[in-house]
Protein backbone atom coordinates (compact mmCIF):
# COMPACT_ATOMS: atom_id res chain seq x y z
CA MET A 1 -17.78 10.96 -13.93
CA PRO A 2 -14.04 11.45 -14.51
CA GLU A 3 -12.65 10.81 -17.97
CA LEU A 4 -9.78 8.74 -16.53
CA ALA A 5 -9.70 7.02 -13.13
CA VAL A 6 -8.19 4.13 -11.19
CA GLU A 7 -10.31 0.99 -11.08
CA GLY A 8 -12.49 1.10 -7.98
CA ASP A 9 -12.74 4.91 -7.85
CA PRO A 10 -16.15 5.64 -6.30
CA ALA A 11 -16.62 8.56 -8.73
CA VAL A 12 -17.12 6.00 -11.52
CA PRO A 13 -20.42 4.15 -10.94
CA ALA A 14 -19.24 0.90 -12.57
CA GLU A 15 -22.27 -1.01 -11.29
CA GLU A 16 -24.54 1.21 -13.41
CA ALA A 17 -22.33 1.17 -16.50
CA LEU A 18 -21.36 -1.26 -19.19
CA VAL A 19 -17.76 -2.08 -18.28
CA VAL A 20 -15.66 -3.61 -21.07
CA ASP A 21 -12.03 -4.65 -21.44
CA GLY A 22 -11.35 -2.66 -24.59
CA VAL A 23 -13.06 -1.24 -27.65
CA GLY A 24 -12.56 -4.22 -29.94
CA ASP A 25 -16.27 -5.11 -30.04
CA LEU A 26 -18.26 -1.95 -30.74
CA GLN A 27 -21.74 -3.50 -30.86
CA PRO A 28 -22.35 -3.71 -27.09
CA ILE A 29 -20.75 -0.29 -26.67
CA ALA A 30 -23.09 1.26 -29.25
CA GLU A 31 -26.12 -0.51 -27.77
CA ALA A 32 -25.34 0.71 -24.24
CA PHE A 33 -24.76 4.24 -25.50
CA GLU A 34 -28.04 4.26 -27.43
CA ALA A 35 -29.85 3.03 -24.31
CA GLY A 36 -28.36 5.89 -22.27
CA ARG A 37 -26.14 3.58 -20.21
CA PRO A 38 -22.61 4.88 -19.50
CA VAL A 39 -19.75 2.98 -21.11
CA VAL A 40 -16.59 2.42 -19.08
CA VAL A 41 -13.49 0.84 -20.61
CA ARG A 42 -10.62 -0.82 -18.77
CA ALA A 43 -7.17 0.06 -20.14
CA SER A 44 -3.66 -0.82 -19.02
CA SER A 45 -1.51 1.07 -21.55
CA ALA A 46 -1.34 4.55 -23.04
CA GLN A 47 -2.43 3.15 -26.41
CA GLU A 48 -5.49 1.48 -24.86
CA VAL A 49 -6.40 4.71 -23.06
CA ARG A 50 -6.11 6.64 -26.33
CA ALA A 51 -8.20 4.10 -28.25
CA ALA A 52 -10.94 4.14 -25.60
CA LEU A 53 -11.12 7.92 -25.33
CA ALA A 54 -11.26 8.22 -29.12
CA ARG A 55 -14.71 6.59 -28.98
CA PRO A 56 -17.44 9.18 -28.35
CA GLU A 57 -19.55 6.55 -26.57
CA VAL A 58 -17.00 6.08 -23.79
CA ALA A 59 -17.76 7.99 -20.60
CA SER A 60 -14.71 6.93 -18.61
CA VAL A 61 -11.56 4.82 -18.75
CA LEU A 62 -10.39 2.79 -15.77
CA VAL A 63 -6.74 1.92 -15.27
CA PRO A 64 -5.42 -0.69 -12.83
CA GLU A 65 -3.99 0.48 -9.50
CA ALA A 66 -0.59 -0.86 -10.61
CA ARG A 67 -0.68 1.49 -13.64
CA ARG A 68 -1.71 4.63 -11.74
CA GLU A 69 0.89 6.61 -13.74
CA LEU A 70 -1.52 6.49 -16.70
CA LEU A 71 -3.59 9.11 -14.88
CA ASP A 72 -0.79 11.57 -15.62
CA LEU A 73 -0.93 11.11 -19.39
CA ASP A 74 -1.07 14.30 -21.42
CA LEU A 75 -4.22 13.36 -23.33
CA THR A 76 -3.85 16.23 -25.80
CA GLU A 77 -0.29 15.21 -26.64
CA LEU A 78 -1.31 11.56 -26.82
CA THR A 79 -4.12 12.36 -29.25
CA TYR A 80 -2.57 15.02 -31.45
CA GLY A 81 1.16 14.38 -31.09
């Protein structure tokens, strides 16, 4: 499963995962992770991508087709400055 993908990418099995619109509520994310279910987060900004990938429970982040440029983020730079 890719770390970052466009929503609808067949490489991200969203039907098998818990798909959430952010990491604001960690309880369902933790429960899915503990149950062995992949966690996929939708994000539409660089900050949302960074917040999602900072969570060890998150398997993949999906960005909208209209924000495809987020796939080109330098994740190391975004994380460490």
